[in-house]
N, C-alpha and C. Protein backbone atom coordinates (compact mmCIF):
# COMPACT_ATOMS: atom_id res chain seq x y z
N MET A 1 0.73 -1.08 0.06
CA MET A 1 -0.18 -0.01 0.10
C MET A 1 0.85 1.35 0.07
N ARG A 2 2.07 1.46 0.86
CA ARG A 2 2.79 2.31 0.81
C ARG A 2 3.57 2.84 -0.33
N ARG A 3 3.65 1.40 -1.19
CA ARG A 3 4.07 1.90 -2.61
C ARG A 3 3.33 2.47 -3.62
N TYR A 4 2.24 2.21 -3.34
CA TYR A 4 1.20 2.90 -4.17
C TYR A 4 1.24 4.38 -3.71
N LEU A 5 1.08 4.25 -2.80
CA LEU A 5 0.74 5.95 -2.31
C LEU A 5 2.13 6.67 -2.50
N LEU A 6 3.43 6.21 -2.66
CA LEU A 6 4.57 6.79 -3.23
C LEU A 6 4.47 7.14 -4.67
N VAL A 7 4.18 6.01 -5.34
CA VAL A 7 3.99 6.32 -6.70
C VAL A 7 2.98 7.28 -6.92
N ALA A 8 1.70 7.15 -6.61
CA ALA A 8 0.79 8.65 -6.55
C ALA A 8 1.48 9.72 -6.27
N ALA A 9 2.05 9.86 -5.38
CA ALA A 9 2.65 11.45 -4.99
C ALA A 9 3.53 11.99 -5.65
N LEU A 10 4.59 10.71 -6.74
CA LEU A 10 5.40 10.93 -7.44
C LEU A 10 4.68 11.69 -8.71
N LEU A 11 3.77 10.50 -9.14
CA LEU A 11 2.90 11.23 -10.31
C LEU A 11 2.17 12.69 -9.83
N GLY A 12 1.49 13.00 -8.97
CA GLY A 12 1.31 14.18 -8.64
C GLY A 12 2.10 15.17 -8.69
N LEU A 13 3.48 14.96 -8.36
CA LEU A 13 4.43 16.13 -8.14
C LEU A 13 4.78 16.64 -9.40
N THR A 14 4.87 15.13 -10.21
CA THR A 14 5.35 15.36 -11.58
C THR A 14 4.35 16.48 -12.08
N TRP A 15 2.95 15.88 -12.26
CA TRP A 15 1.92 16.77 -12.96
C TRP A 15 2.01 18.23 -12.26
N ALA A 16 2.16 18.46 -11.36
CA ALA A 16 2.17 19.71 -10.92
C ALA A 16 3.50 20.67 -11.11
N CYS A 17 4.54 20.13 -11.57
CA CYS A 17 5.72 20.81 -11.71
C CYS A 17 5.63 21.10 -13.33
N SER A 18 4.88 20.49 -13.83
CA SER A 18 4.59 20.34 -15.36
C SER A 18 3.32 21.19 -15.62
N ASN A 19 2.50 21.37 -14.92
CA ASN A 19 1.20 21.86 -15.45
C ASN A 19 1.28 23.59 -15.33
N ASN A 20 0.86 24.42 -16.39
CA ASN A 20 0.82 25.70 -16.52
C ASN A 20 -0.41 26.28 -17.55
N SER A 21 -1.04 27.10 -17.29
CA SER A 21 -1.75 28.02 -18.26
C SER A 21 -1.35 28.45 -19.50
N GLY A 22 0.31 28.58 -19.25
CA GLY A 22 0.61 29.19 -20.50
C GLY A 22 0.48 30.82 -20.74
N GLU A 23 -0.02 31.29 -20.10
CA GLU A 23 -0.77 32.65 -20.42
C GLU A 23 0.72 33.72 -20.30
N LYS A 24 0.77 34.86 -21.01
CA LYS A 24 1.63 35.60 -21.38
C LYS A 24 1.54 36.64 -20.83
N GLY A 25 2.36 37.44 -20.28
CA GLY A 25 2.36 38.64 -19.20
C GLY A 25 2.78 39.77 -19.81
N ALA A 26 3.09 40.90 -19.35
CA ALA A 26 3.46 41.95 -19.97
C ALA A 26 5.00 42.25 -18.94
N GLY A 27 6.28 42.49 -19.23
CA GLY A 27 7.17 43.11 -18.25
C GLY A 27 8.13 44.09 -18.72
N THR A 28 8.94 44.16 -18.28
CA THR A 28 9.90 45.25 -19.06
C THR A 28 11.03 44.49 -19.71
N THR A 29 10.73 43.98 -20.51
CA THR A 29 11.46 42.93 -21.08
C THR A 29 11.91 43.29 -22.73
N THR A 30 12.75 43.20 -23.49
CA THR A 30 12.48 43.32 -24.78
C THR A 30 13.19 42.05 -25.37
N PRO A 31 12.02 41.69 -26.51
CA PRO A 31 12.30 40.26 -26.79
C PRO A 31 13.34 40.29 -27.83
N ALA A 32 14.51 39.15 -28.28
CA ALA A 32 15.49 39.56 -29.12
C ALA A 32 14.97 39.19 -30.29
N ASP A 33 15.52 39.69 -31.23
CA ASP A 33 15.91 39.66 -32.57
C ASP A 33 16.33 38.34 -33.20
N GLY A 34 15.30 37.18 -33.49
CA GLY A 34 16.33 35.99 -33.87
C GLY A 34 17.03 35.89 -34.66
N ASN A 35 17.01 37.37 -35.60
CA ASN A 35 18.05 37.28 -36.75
C ASN A 35 19.70 38.02 -35.75
N SER A 36 19.63 38.00 -34.96
CA SER A 36 20.54 39.17 -34.52
C SER A 36 21.09 39.11 -32.95
N PRO A 37 21.46 37.98 -32.45
CA PRO A 37 22.14 37.70 -31.27
C PRO A 37 23.56 38.01 -31.50
N ALA A 38 23.81 38.47 -30.38
CA ALA A 38 25.31 38.62 -30.07
C ALA A 38 26.49 37.76 -30.43
N ALA A 39 27.09 37.94 -31.60
CA ALA A 39 27.71 36.93 -32.02
C ALA A 39 28.91 36.61 -31.22
N GLY A 40 29.13 35.76 -30.86
CA GLY A 40 30.37 35.11 -30.22
C GLY A 40 30.74 35.79 -28.72
N ALA A 41 29.49 36.48 -28.57
CA ALA A 41 29.84 37.04 -27.03
C ALA A 41 29.67 36.12 -26.06
N GLY A 42 30.68 36.15 -25.32
CA GLY A 42 30.84 35.21 -23.70
C GLY A 42 31.06 33.60 -24.21
N GLY A 43 31.63 33.65 -25.08
CA GLY A 43 32.62 32.27 -25.51
C GLY A 43 31.26 31.23 -26.00
N SER A 44 31.18 31.47 -27.07
CA SER A 44 29.90 30.90 -27.64
C SER A 44 30.00 29.37 -27.80
N ALA A 45 28.88 28.62 -27.49
CA ALA A 45 29.16 27.12 -27.85
C ALA A 45 28.84 26.90 -29.29
N ALA A 46 27.96 28.00 -29.87
CA ALA A 46 27.56 27.48 -31.68
C ALA A 46 28.08 29.14 -32.13
N ALA A 47 28.31 29.13 -33.41
CA ALA A 47 28.25 30.33 -33.77
C ALA A 47 27.12 31.45 -34.05
N GLY A 48 27.42 32.54 -33.36
CA GLY A 48 26.13 33.34 -33.18
C GLY A 48 25.62 33.40 -31.94
N TYR A 49 25.99 32.20 -30.61
CA TYR A 49 25.34 32.06 -29.70
C TYR A 49 25.62 32.74 -28.61
N ASP A 50 24.84 33.49 -27.59
CA ASP A 50 25.43 34.40 -26.48
C ASP A 50 25.39 33.99 -25.75
N SER A 51 26.43 32.92 -25.35
CA SER A 51 26.28 32.44 -23.80
C SER A 51 25.91 33.03 -22.41
N LEU A 52 26.31 34.29 -22.66
CA LEU A 52 26.26 35.47 -21.29
C LEU A 52 24.48 35.60 -21.08
N LYS A 53 23.84 35.25 -21.96
CA LYS A 53 22.54 35.69 -22.26
C LYS A 53 21.58 34.40 -22.52
N GLY A 54 21.69 33.78 -23.29
CA GLY A 54 21.25 32.57 -23.58
C GLY A 54 20.67 32.15 -24.69
N ALA A 55 19.65 31.30 -24.88
CA ALA A 55 18.79 31.18 -25.80
C ALA A 55 17.58 31.33 -25.71
N GLY A 56 16.86 32.01 -26.28
CA GLY A 56 15.42 32.47 -26.30
C GLY A 56 15.08 33.81 -26.44
N LYS A 57 14.08 34.73 -26.05
CA LYS A 57 13.69 35.86 -26.77
C LYS A 57 13.95 37.22 -25.95
N PHE A 58 14.43 36.76 -24.67
CA PHE A 58 14.91 37.48 -24.23
C PHE A 58 16.32 37.97 -24.48
N ALA A 59 16.52 39.52 -25.14
CA ALA A 59 17.70 40.31 -25.55
C ALA A 59 18.28 41.27 -24.38
N HIS A 60 17.15 42.01 -23.58
CA HIS A 60 17.62 42.64 -22.91
C HIS A 60 16.64 43.16 -21.92
N ILE A 61 16.59 43.31 -20.44
CA ILE A 61 15.99 43.21 -19.42
C ILE A 61 16.73 44.65 -18.75
N ASP A 62 15.71 45.59 -18.53
CA ASP A 62 15.58 46.84 -17.88
C ASP A 62 15.62 46.43 -16.60
N LEU A 63 16.79 46.59 -15.52
CA LEU A 63 16.59 46.34 -14.13
C LEU A 63 16.42 47.62 -13.13
N SER A 64 15.99 47.81 -12.15
CA SER A 64 15.84 48.97 -11.07
C SER A 64 17.31 48.77 -10.17
N ALA A 65 17.65 49.39 -9.51
CA ALA A 65 18.51 49.19 -8.71
C ALA A 65 18.12 48.23 -7.65
N LYS A 66 17.26 48.39 -7.13
CA LYS A 66 16.25 47.33 -6.15
C LYS A 66 15.64 46.62 -6.74
N ALA A 67 15.41 45.10 -6.27
CA ALA A 67 14.17 44.50 -6.82
C ALA A 67 12.91 45.25 -6.31
N ASP A 68 12.03 44.94 -7.09
CA ASP A 68 10.40 45.49 -7.08
C ASP A 68 10.23 44.54 -6.21
N ASP A 69 9.47 45.24 -5.29
CA ASP A 69 8.67 43.92 -4.26
C ASP A 69 7.35 43.76 -4.63
N LYS A 70 6.91 44.17 -5.14
CA LYS A 70 5.25 43.50 -5.68
C LYS A 70 5.82 42.33 -6.89
N LEU A 71 6.35 42.62 -7.40
CA LEU A 71 7.18 41.49 -8.92
C LEU A 71 7.56 40.20 -7.91
N ALA A 72 8.36 40.83 -7.09
CA ALA A 72 9.03 39.35 -6.26
C ALA A 72 8.37 38.52 -5.26
N ALA A 73 6.90 39.09 -5.02
CA ALA A 73 5.87 38.58 -4.09
C ALA A 73 5.60 37.72 -5.10
N GLY A 74 4.72 38.23 -6.44
CA GLY A 74 4.60 37.20 -7.67
C GLY A 74 6.03 36.00 -7.90
N GLY A 75 6.86 36.41 -7.64
CA GLY A 75 8.09 35.26 -7.74
C GLY A 75 7.79 34.09 -6.57
N LYS A 76 7.85 34.92 -5.23
CA LYS A 76 8.07 34.02 -4.14
C LYS A 76 6.92 33.21 -4.61
N ALA A 77 5.23 33.34 -5.23
CA ALA A 77 4.42 32.61 -5.22
C ALA A 77 4.49 31.62 -6.24
N VAL A 78 5.53 31.74 -7.55
CA VAL A 78 5.75 30.74 -8.20
C VAL A 78 6.66 29.98 -7.79
N TYR A 79 7.45 30.44 -7.22
CA TYR A 79 8.63 29.86 -6.29
C TYR A 79 8.11 28.52 -5.40
N GLU A 80 7.30 29.21 -4.47
CA GLU A 80 6.64 28.43 -3.60
C GLU A 80 6.05 26.97 -4.38
N LEU A 81 5.16 27.27 -5.45
CA LEU A 81 4.56 26.63 -6.25
C LEU A 81 5.34 25.48 -6.76
N LYS A 82 6.32 25.98 -7.48
CA LYS A 82 6.86 25.08 -8.50
C LYS A 82 8.54 25.03 -8.65
N CYS A 83 9.04 25.79 -7.78
CA CYS A 83 10.48 25.58 -7.61
C CYS A 83 11.00 25.31 -6.42
N SER A 84 10.42 25.04 -5.48
CA SER A 84 11.07 24.89 -3.98
C SER A 84 10.98 23.54 -3.41
N ALA A 85 10.57 23.00 -4.58
CA ALA A 85 10.79 21.15 -4.38
C ALA A 85 12.53 20.84 -4.56
N CYS A 86 12.95 21.59 -5.25
CA CYS A 86 14.48 21.29 -6.10
C CYS A 86 15.22 22.23 -5.46
N HIS A 87 14.90 23.36 -5.60
CA HIS A 87 16.01 24.51 -5.12
C HIS A 87 15.64 25.14 -3.60
N LYS A 88 16.45 25.71 -2.92
CA LYS A 88 16.83 25.91 -1.97
C LYS A 88 17.00 27.59 -2.27
N LEU A 89 16.74 28.47 -1.08
CA LEU A 89 16.94 29.90 -1.60
C LEU A 89 18.36 30.39 -0.66
N ASN A 90 19.07 29.29 0.15
CA ASN A 90 20.90 29.69 0.41
C ASN A 90 21.43 29.03 -0.69
N SER A 91 22.67 28.73 -0.56
CA SER A 91 23.68 27.90 -1.49
C SER A 91 23.53 26.60 -1.62
N GLU A 92 22.97 26.05 -0.92
CA GLU A 92 22.83 24.50 -0.64
C GLU A 92 22.13 23.81 -2.11
N LYS A 93 22.92 22.94 -2.36
CA LYS A 93 21.97 22.13 -3.23
C LYS A 93 21.17 21.12 -2.67
N LEU A 94 19.53 21.05 -3.19
CA LEU A 94 19.14 20.42 -3.23
C LEU A 94 18.54 18.94 -4.13
N VAL A 95 17.88 19.28 -5.36
CA VAL A 95 17.87 18.60 -6.24
C VAL A 95 18.72 19.29 -7.19
N GLY A 96 18.64 20.48 -7.21
CA GLY A 96 18.97 21.83 -8.65
C GLY A 96 19.76 22.57 -7.18
N PRO A 97 20.69 22.99 -8.05
CA PRO A 97 21.15 24.22 -7.22
C PRO A 97 20.66 25.41 -6.34
N GLY A 98 21.23 25.62 -5.33
CA GLY A 98 20.95 26.66 -4.41
C GLY A 98 20.86 28.24 -5.27
N TRP A 99 19.77 28.94 -4.46
CA TRP A 99 19.39 30.36 -5.94
C TRP A 99 20.25 31.38 -5.42
N LEU A 100 21.09 31.30 -3.91
CA LEU A 100 21.68 32.29 -3.65
C LEU A 100 22.99 33.07 -4.30
N GLY A 101 22.77 34.05 -4.85
CA GLY A 101 24.00 34.66 -5.57
C GLY A 101 23.80 34.48 -7.20
N VAL A 102 22.53 33.73 -7.38
CA VAL A 102 22.54 33.28 -9.11
C VAL A 102 22.17 35.02 -9.82
N THR A 103 22.16 35.69 -9.35
CA THR A 103 21.95 37.09 -10.05
C THR A 103 23.27 37.83 -9.93
N GLU A 104 23.78 37.48 -9.59
CA GLU A 104 25.33 37.90 -9.21
C GLU A 104 26.02 37.27 -10.17
N ARG A 105 25.46 35.89 -10.42
CA ARG A 105 26.55 34.98 -11.69
C ARG A 105 26.16 34.82 -12.71
N ARG A 106 24.98 35.43 -12.94
CA ARG A 106 24.16 34.96 -14.05
C ARG A 106 23.41 36.13 -14.67
N LYS A 107 23.36 37.01 -15.83
CA LYS A 107 22.65 37.93 -16.39
C LYS A 107 21.43 38.07 -16.22
N PRO A 108 20.49 38.78 -15.98
CA PRO A 108 19.13 38.99 -16.24
C PRO A 108 18.15 37.83 -17.41
N GLU A 109 18.76 38.31 -18.62
CA GLU A 109 18.59 37.61 -19.71
C GLU A 109 18.81 36.24 -19.68
N TRP A 110 19.93 35.96 -19.11
CA TRP A 110 19.79 33.75 -19.02
C TRP A 110 19.12 33.63 -18.17
N ILE A 111 18.67 34.19 -16.96
CA ILE A 111 18.08 33.38 -16.21
C ILE A 111 16.48 33.13 -16.49
N MET A 112 16.10 34.81 -17.09
CA MET A 112 14.49 34.50 -17.89
C MET A 112 14.88 33.72 -19.08
N ASN A 113 15.62 33.31 -19.86
CA ASN A 113 15.52 32.52 -21.07
C ASN A 113 15.32 30.83 -20.46
N PHE A 114 16.39 30.96 -19.28
CA PHE A 114 16.55 29.71 -19.28
C PHE A 114 15.41 29.17 -18.32
N VAL A 115 14.66 30.09 -17.66
CA VAL A 115 13.26 29.14 -16.97
C VAL A 115 12.13 29.06 -17.95
N THR A 116 12.22 30.16 -19.34
CA THR A 116 11.14 30.05 -20.23
C THR A 116 11.75 28.92 -21.42
N ASN A 117 12.58 28.55 -21.79
CA ASN A 117 13.20 28.04 -22.68
C ASN A 117 14.16 27.02 -22.10
N THR A 118 13.82 25.92 -21.57
CA THR A 118 14.63 25.48 -20.69
C THR A 118 15.42 24.52 -21.53
N ASP A 119 14.71 23.87 -22.07
CA ASP A 119 15.04 22.27 -23.25
C ASP A 119 16.52 23.02 -23.91
N GLU A 120 15.97 23.70 -24.75
CA GLU A 120 16.91 24.61 -26.05
C GLU A 120 18.18 25.29 -24.84
N MET A 121 17.93 25.84 -23.61
CA MET A 121 19.09 26.15 -23.18
C MET A 121 19.61 24.85 -22.54
N ILE A 122 19.45 23.88 -21.96
CA ILE A 122 20.12 22.66 -21.49
C ILE A 122 20.91 22.16 -22.67
N ASP A 123 20.25 21.95 -23.64
CA ASP A 123 20.85 21.49 -25.11
C ASP A 123 22.17 22.28 -25.70
N LYS A 124 21.94 23.79 -25.63
CA LYS A 124 23.04 24.97 -26.21
C LYS A 124 23.90 25.20 -25.36
N ASP A 125 23.40 25.93 -24.06
CA ASP A 125 24.29 26.48 -22.57
C ASP A 125 25.08 25.67 -22.28
N PRO A 126 26.81 26.36 -22.69
CA PRO A 126 27.33 25.32 -21.67
C PRO A 126 27.54 25.67 -19.91
N HIS A 127 26.87 26.79 -20.07
CA HIS A 127 26.64 27.20 -18.19
C HIS A 127 25.53 26.49 -17.68
N ALA A 128 24.30 25.69 -18.76
CA ALA A 128 23.53 25.05 -18.24
C ALA A 128 23.77 23.81 -18.28
N GLN A 129 24.78 22.96 -19.30
CA GLN A 129 25.09 21.68 -19.48
C GLN A 129 26.18 21.75 -18.22
N ALA A 130 26.74 22.84 -17.52
CA ALA A 130 27.81 22.35 -16.26
C ALA A 130 26.80 21.81 -15.10
N LEU A 131 25.79 23.01 -15.30
CA LEU A 131 24.56 22.62 -14.03
C LEU A 131 23.65 20.94 -14.36
N LEU A 132 23.46 20.89 -15.27
CA LEU A 132 23.10 19.55 -15.58
C LEU A 132 24.30 17.84 -15.00
N GLN A 133 25.51 18.76 -15.14
CA GLN A 133 26.30 17.53 -15.11
C GLN A 133 26.88 17.51 -13.39
N GLU A 134 26.53 18.71 -12.43
CA GLU A 134 27.06 19.13 -11.34
C GLU A 134 25.47 18.09 -10.49
N CYS A 135 24.35 18.50 -11.21
CA CYS A 135 23.41 17.91 -10.58
C CYS A 135 22.46 16.72 -10.65
N LEU A 136 23.15 16.27 -12.14
CA LEU A 136 22.66 14.82 -12.39
C LEU A 136 21.30 14.61 -12.79
N VAL A 137 20.24 15.95 -12.25
CA VAL A 137 19.18 15.99 -13.27
C VAL A 137 18.54 17.02 -13.97
N ARG A 138 17.85 16.77 -15.34
CA ARG A 138 17.90 17.68 -15.77
C ARG A 138 16.60 18.56 -15.24
N MET A 139 16.43 19.73 -15.26
CA MET A 139 15.54 20.58 -14.73
C MET A 139 14.07 20.69 -15.98
N PRO A 140 12.96 20.10 -15.43
CA PRO A 140 11.97 19.92 -16.49
C PRO A 140 11.48 21.35 -16.53
N ASN A 141 11.04 21.63 -17.97
CA ASN A 141 10.02 22.79 -18.00
C ASN A 141 9.25 23.01 -17.41
N GLN A 142 9.17 24.15 -16.71
CA GLN A 142 8.00 24.62 -15.96
C GLN A 142 6.60 25.69 -16.57
N HIS A 143 7.35 25.74 -17.92
CA HIS A 143 6.21 26.47 -18.21
C HIS A 143 5.61 27.55 -18.09
N LEU A 144 6.64 28.59 -17.69
CA LEU A 144 6.53 30.03 -17.11
C LEU A 144 6.04 30.75 -18.06
N SER A 145 5.30 31.47 -17.79
CA SER A 145 4.65 32.96 -18.76
C SER A 145 6.04 33.74 -18.61
N ASP A 146 6.46 34.71 -19.51
CA ASP A 146 7.02 35.98 -19.17
C ASP A 146 6.98 36.44 -17.85
N GLU A 147 5.46 36.71 -17.41
CA GLU A 147 5.51 37.50 -16.11
C GLU A 147 5.77 37.04 -15.47
N ASP A 148 5.40 35.51 -15.60
CA ASP A 148 5.95 34.41 -14.28
C ASP A 148 7.78 34.82 -14.18
N ALA A 149 8.12 34.39 -15.17
CA ALA A 149 9.69 34.73 -15.44
C ALA A 149 10.18 35.90 -14.98
N ARG A 150 9.80 37.13 -15.08
CA ARG A 150 9.76 38.07 -14.54
C ARG A 150 9.74 38.24 -12.98
N ASN A 151 8.88 37.99 -12.75
CA ASN A 151 8.30 37.63 -11.26
C ASN A 151 9.57 36.98 -10.13
N VAL A 152 9.64 35.67 -11.16
CA VAL A 152 11.00 35.10 -10.21
C VAL A 152 12.19 35.53 -10.30
N LEU A 153 12.26 36.08 -11.33
CA LEU A 153 14.04 36.99 -11.39
C LEU A 153 13.44 38.28 -10.35
N GLU A 154 12.72 38.62 -10.32
CA GLU A 154 12.75 39.91 -9.19
C GLU A 154 12.34 39.27 -7.79
N PHE A 155 12.38 37.63 -7.54
CA PHE A 155 12.22 37.39 -6.25
C PHE A 155 13.61 36.74 -5.87
N MET A 156 14.31 36.35 -7.06
CA MET A 156 15.63 36.11 -7.07
C MET A 156 16.92 37.30 -6.48
N ARG A 157 16.32 38.11 -7.10
CA ARG A 157 17.31 39.49 -6.81
C ARG A 157 16.66 39.89 -5.60
N LYS A 158 15.64 39.64 -4.88
CA LYS A 158 15.58 40.15 -4.13
C LYS A 158 16.19 39.58 -2.62
N ASN A 159 16.03 38.14 -2.81
CA ASN A 159 16.87 36.93 -2.20
C ASN A 159 18.27 37.28 -2.17
N ASP A 160 19.27 37.71 -3.12
CA ASP A 160 20.30 38.06 -3.60
C ASP A 160 20.46 39.29 -2.53
N GLN A 161 19.83 40.50 -2.83
CA GLN A 161 19.92 41.57 -1.56
C GLN A 161 19.77 41.73 0.05
N SER A 162 19.07 40.48 -0.16
CA SER A 162 18.38 40.56 1.44
C SER A 162 19.72 39.62 2.21
N LYS A 163 20.47 38.80 1.82
CA LYS A 163 21.58 38.14 2.54
C LYS A 163 23.09 38.82 2.08
């Protein structure tokens, strides 16, 4: 009986981690022009690939000096629902890496491209591939909307600014 409950719980967790409405939201981001990535910037893995910004539609994100509390609150809700099972807010690895300092190690464009375009980033990006080697678990695509991704970015920024 315990085995059935464990299997049911794992199936429920898998479903919860992959379920999202896919709504699009407004943010202070500029989608990338698919024809003009920064060629070779940051030691590209492929011609024209910018490993500092990653693969995806986010080419430029304007950030204020301080994290936006309202957006961060939305990001906290997303974190608690979709991220906290695998990521801690400190530097400890759980399933995935801890989030402390992530906004200092990665550009905001890379973070938003990674959380909205996970599969392509893991396939193309050397930093994402290194994380996969370190954690040994491929991050599932959480199907975050652009708005949710922006909120998560602000939550990460607030987490880094509070430590």
